[in-house]
Amino acid sequence: MELLFSLSGWVVMPAWLGLAALPFWYPNIVRWIQWSVPTLLGMAYLALILVYWGSNKGGYDSLAAVRELFTSDGLLLAGWLHYLAFDLFIGAWIVEQAQRSGIAHGWVLPCLPLTFLFGPIGLLAFYVVLLWHRAWRRIRLRHQRVSA
């Protein structure tokens, strides 16, 4: 379990660094990161679920049941891989959406560590950036119409 835990970090960190640095030079790397690394993590997740799912008490009907479910190292690691895969997928989605919207990458950079560390907070930060960018674009467009 410890080895798989360590390997997951070694797989995820270069992907996050790639999202931060490589979109400048290799825009298609974002799509590759978005699909390949979460898929690899998802396969490890599936294997852990298949092996450990019925071996532990617990469930999802109460906080105490979830706590009991994650007393198994196998299911705890599966939960960790779940977080890593989904947060990375969302991080890549954020970069891709920013590129499509014409948002400068510098505005996206703070959202990436927030997504890596705190998931939904990074997504919320990106939504703020996206809304600000859209509002700013509308204001500029109106100003250009008035000036013309």
Protein backbone atom coordinates (compact mmCIF):
# COMPACT_ATOMS: atom_id res chain seq x y z
CA MET A 1 0.00 0.00 0.00
CA GLU A 2 2.77 2.43 0.88
CA LEU A 3 4.50 1.76 -2.44
CA LEU A 4 1.31 2.42 -4.42
CA PHE A 5 0.71 5.56 -2.35
CA SER A 6 4.23 6.82 -3.14
CA LEU A 7 3.94 5.90 -6.82
CA SER A 8 0.68 7.84 -7.10
CA GLY A 9 2.50 10.97 -5.95
CA TRP A 10 5.29 10.40 -8.45
CA VAL A 11 2.68 10.09 -11.23
CA VAL A 12 0.58 13.08 -10.23
CA MET A 13 3.20 15.72 -9.44
CA PRO A 14 4.77 15.84 -12.95
CA ALA A 15 1.26 16.09 -14.40
CA TRP A 16 0.44 19.08 -12.19
CA LEU A 17 3.78 20.71 -13.06
CA GLY A 18 2.98 20.08 -16.73
CA LEU A 19 -0.35 21.87 -16.35
CA ALA A 20 1.44 24.81 -14.80
CA ALA A 21 4.31 25.10 -17.29
CA LEU A 22 3.67 23.26 -20.55
CA PRO A 23 0.51 24.91 -21.90
CA PHE A 24 2.73 27.73 -23.14
CA TRP A 25 4.68 25.42 -25.45
CA TYR A 26 2.54 22.32 -25.82
CA PRO A 27 -1.19 23.09 -25.61
CA ASN A 28 -2.10 19.49 -26.48
CA ILE A 29 -0.25 18.22 -23.40
CA VAL A 30 -3.22 19.41 -21.34
CA ARG A 31 -5.56 17.00 -23.13
CA TRP A 32 -3.05 14.17 -22.70
CA ILE A 33 -2.72 14.89 -18.97
CA GLN A 34 -6.49 15.22 -18.60
CA TRP A 35 -7.12 11.75 -19.97
CA SER A 36 -4.04 9.58 -19.42
CA VAL A 37 -3.05 10.19 -15.81
CA PRO A 38 -6.59 10.04 -14.34
CA THR A 39 -7.18 6.90 -16.41
CA LEU A 40 -4.07 5.29 -14.95
CA LEU A 41 -5.16 6.29 -11.45
CA GLY A 42 -8.67 5.07 -12.21
CA MET A 43 -7.35 1.64 -13.17
CA ALA A 44 -5.46 1.38 -9.86
CA TYR A 45 -8.62 2.60 -8.09
CA LEU A 46 -10.70 -0.09 -9.80
CA ALA A 47 -8.23 -2.80 -8.80
CA LEU A 48 -8.33 -1.67 -5.16
CA ILE A 49 -12.13 -1.53 -5.14
CA LEU A 50 -12.37 -5.01 -6.64
CA VAL A 51 -9.98 -6.43 -4.06
CA TYR A 52 -11.09 -4.59 -0.91
CA TRP A 53 -14.72 -3.51 -1.35
CA GLY A 54 -16.48 -6.33 0.50
CA SER A 55 -13.79 -6.82 3.12
CA ASN A 56 -14.67 -3.94 5.41
CA LYS A 57 -17.69 -2.73 7.31
CA GLY A 58 -18.98 0.70 6.67
CA GLY A 59 -20.82 2.53 3.97
CA TYR A 60 -22.12 5.92 2.94
CA ASP A 61 -25.26 6.33 5.05
CA SER A 62 -23.59 8.24 7.89
CA LEU A 63 -20.32 9.90 8.77
CA ALA A 64 -19.54 7.08 11.18
CA ALA A 65 -20.13 4.53 8.40
CA VAL A 66 -17.77 6.38 6.05
CA ARG A 67 -15.17 6.51 8.83
CA GLU A 68 -15.52 2.75 9.30
CA LEU A 69 -15.23 2.18 5.55
CA PHE A 70 -11.88 3.96 5.42
CA THR A 71 -10.32 2.03 8.29
CA SER A 72 -9.14 -0.39 5.58
CA ASP A 73 -5.80 0.71 4.08
CA GLY A 74 -6.91 -0.62 0.69
CA LEU A 75 -10.08 1.47 0.66
CA LEU A 76 -8.30 4.47 2.15
CA LEU A 77 -5.78 4.31 -0.69
CA ALA A 78 -8.63 3.90 -3.18
CA GLY A 79 -10.19 7.07 -1.76
CA TRP A 80 -6.87 8.88 -2.09
CA LEU A 81 -6.54 7.81 -5.75
CA HIS A 82 -10.11 8.99 -6.30
CA TYR A 83 -9.19 12.45 -5.06
CA LEU A 84 -5.96 12.56 -7.06
CA ALA A 85 -7.65 11.49 -10.30
CA PHE A 86 -10.61 13.85 -10.06
CA ASP A 87 -8.63 16.86 -8.87
CA LEU A 88 -6.13 16.41 -11.71
CA PHE A 89 -8.94 16.02 -14.24
CA ILE A 90 -10.49 19.26 -12.98
CA GLY A 91 -7.10 21.01 -13.04
CA ALA A 92 -6.64 20.05 -16.69
CA TRP A 93 -10.21 21.09 -17.44
CA ILE A 94 -9.51 24.49 -15.87
CA VAL A 95 -6.43 25.00 -18.07
CA GLU A 96 -8.33 23.87 -21.17
CA GLN A 97 -11.30 26.17 -20.44
CA ALA A 98 -8.96 29.09 -19.80
CA GLN A 99 -7.23 28.49 -23.13
CA ARG A 100 -10.57 28.33 -24.95
CA SER A 101 -11.75 31.52 -23.24
CA GLY A 102 -8.56 33.44 -23.92
CA ILE A 103 -7.69 33.82 -20.24
CA ALA A 104 -4.00 34.48 -19.66
CA HIS A 105 -2.31 31.52 -18.02
CA GLY A 106 -1.02 33.70 -15.19
CA TRP A 107 -4.60 34.08 -13.94
CA VAL A 108 -5.02 30.29 -13.92
CA LEU A 109 -1.79 29.49 -12.07
CA PRO A 110 -3.13 30.29 -8.56
CA CYS A 111 -6.16 28.09 -9.24
CA LEU A 112 -4.02 25.00 -9.90
CA PRO A 113 -2.43 24.55 -6.45
CA LEU A 114 -5.78 25.40 -4.88
CA THR A 115 -7.37 22.62 -6.95
CA PHE A 116 -4.56 20.20 -6.11
CA LEU A 117 -4.74 20.90 -2.39
CA PHE A 118 -8.37 21.82 -1.82
CA GLY A 119 -10.30 20.59 -4.90
CA PRO A 120 -13.54 22.58 -4.98
CA ILE A 121 -11.86 25.77 -3.71
CA GLY A 122 -9.62 25.78 -6.78
CA LEU A 123 -12.64 25.25 -9.02
CA LEU A 124 -14.45 28.12 -7.30
CA ALA A 125 -11.37 30.33 -7.75
CA PHE A 126 -11.35 29.52 -11.45
CA TYR A 127 -15.05 30.37 -11.72
CA VAL A 128 -14.27 33.78 -10.21
CA VAL A 129 -11.47 34.28 -12.77
CA LEU A 130 -13.77 33.14 -15.59
CA LEU A 131 -16.61 35.45 -14.53
CA TRP A 132 -14.21 38.37 -14.11
CA HIS A 133 -12.74 37.69 -17.57
CA ARG A 134 -16.18 37.54 -19.21
CA ALA A 135 -17.31 40.74 -17.48
CA TRP A 136 -14.10 42.53 -18.47
CA ARG A 137 -14.52 41.38 -22.08
CA ARG A 138 -18.12 42.70 -22.15
CA ILE A 139 -17.01 46.05 -20.72
CA ARG A 140 -14.24 46.34 -23.33
CA LEU A 141 -16.65 45.44 -26.12
CA ARG A 142 -19.14 48.09 -24.98
CA HIS A 143 -16.36 50.66 -24.72
CA GLN A 144 -15.21 49.83 -28.26
CA ARG A 145 -18.78 50.25 -29.59
CA VAL A 146 -19.14 53.63 -27.88
CA SER A 147 -15.73 54.78 -29.16
CA ALA A 148 -16.51 53.77 -32.74
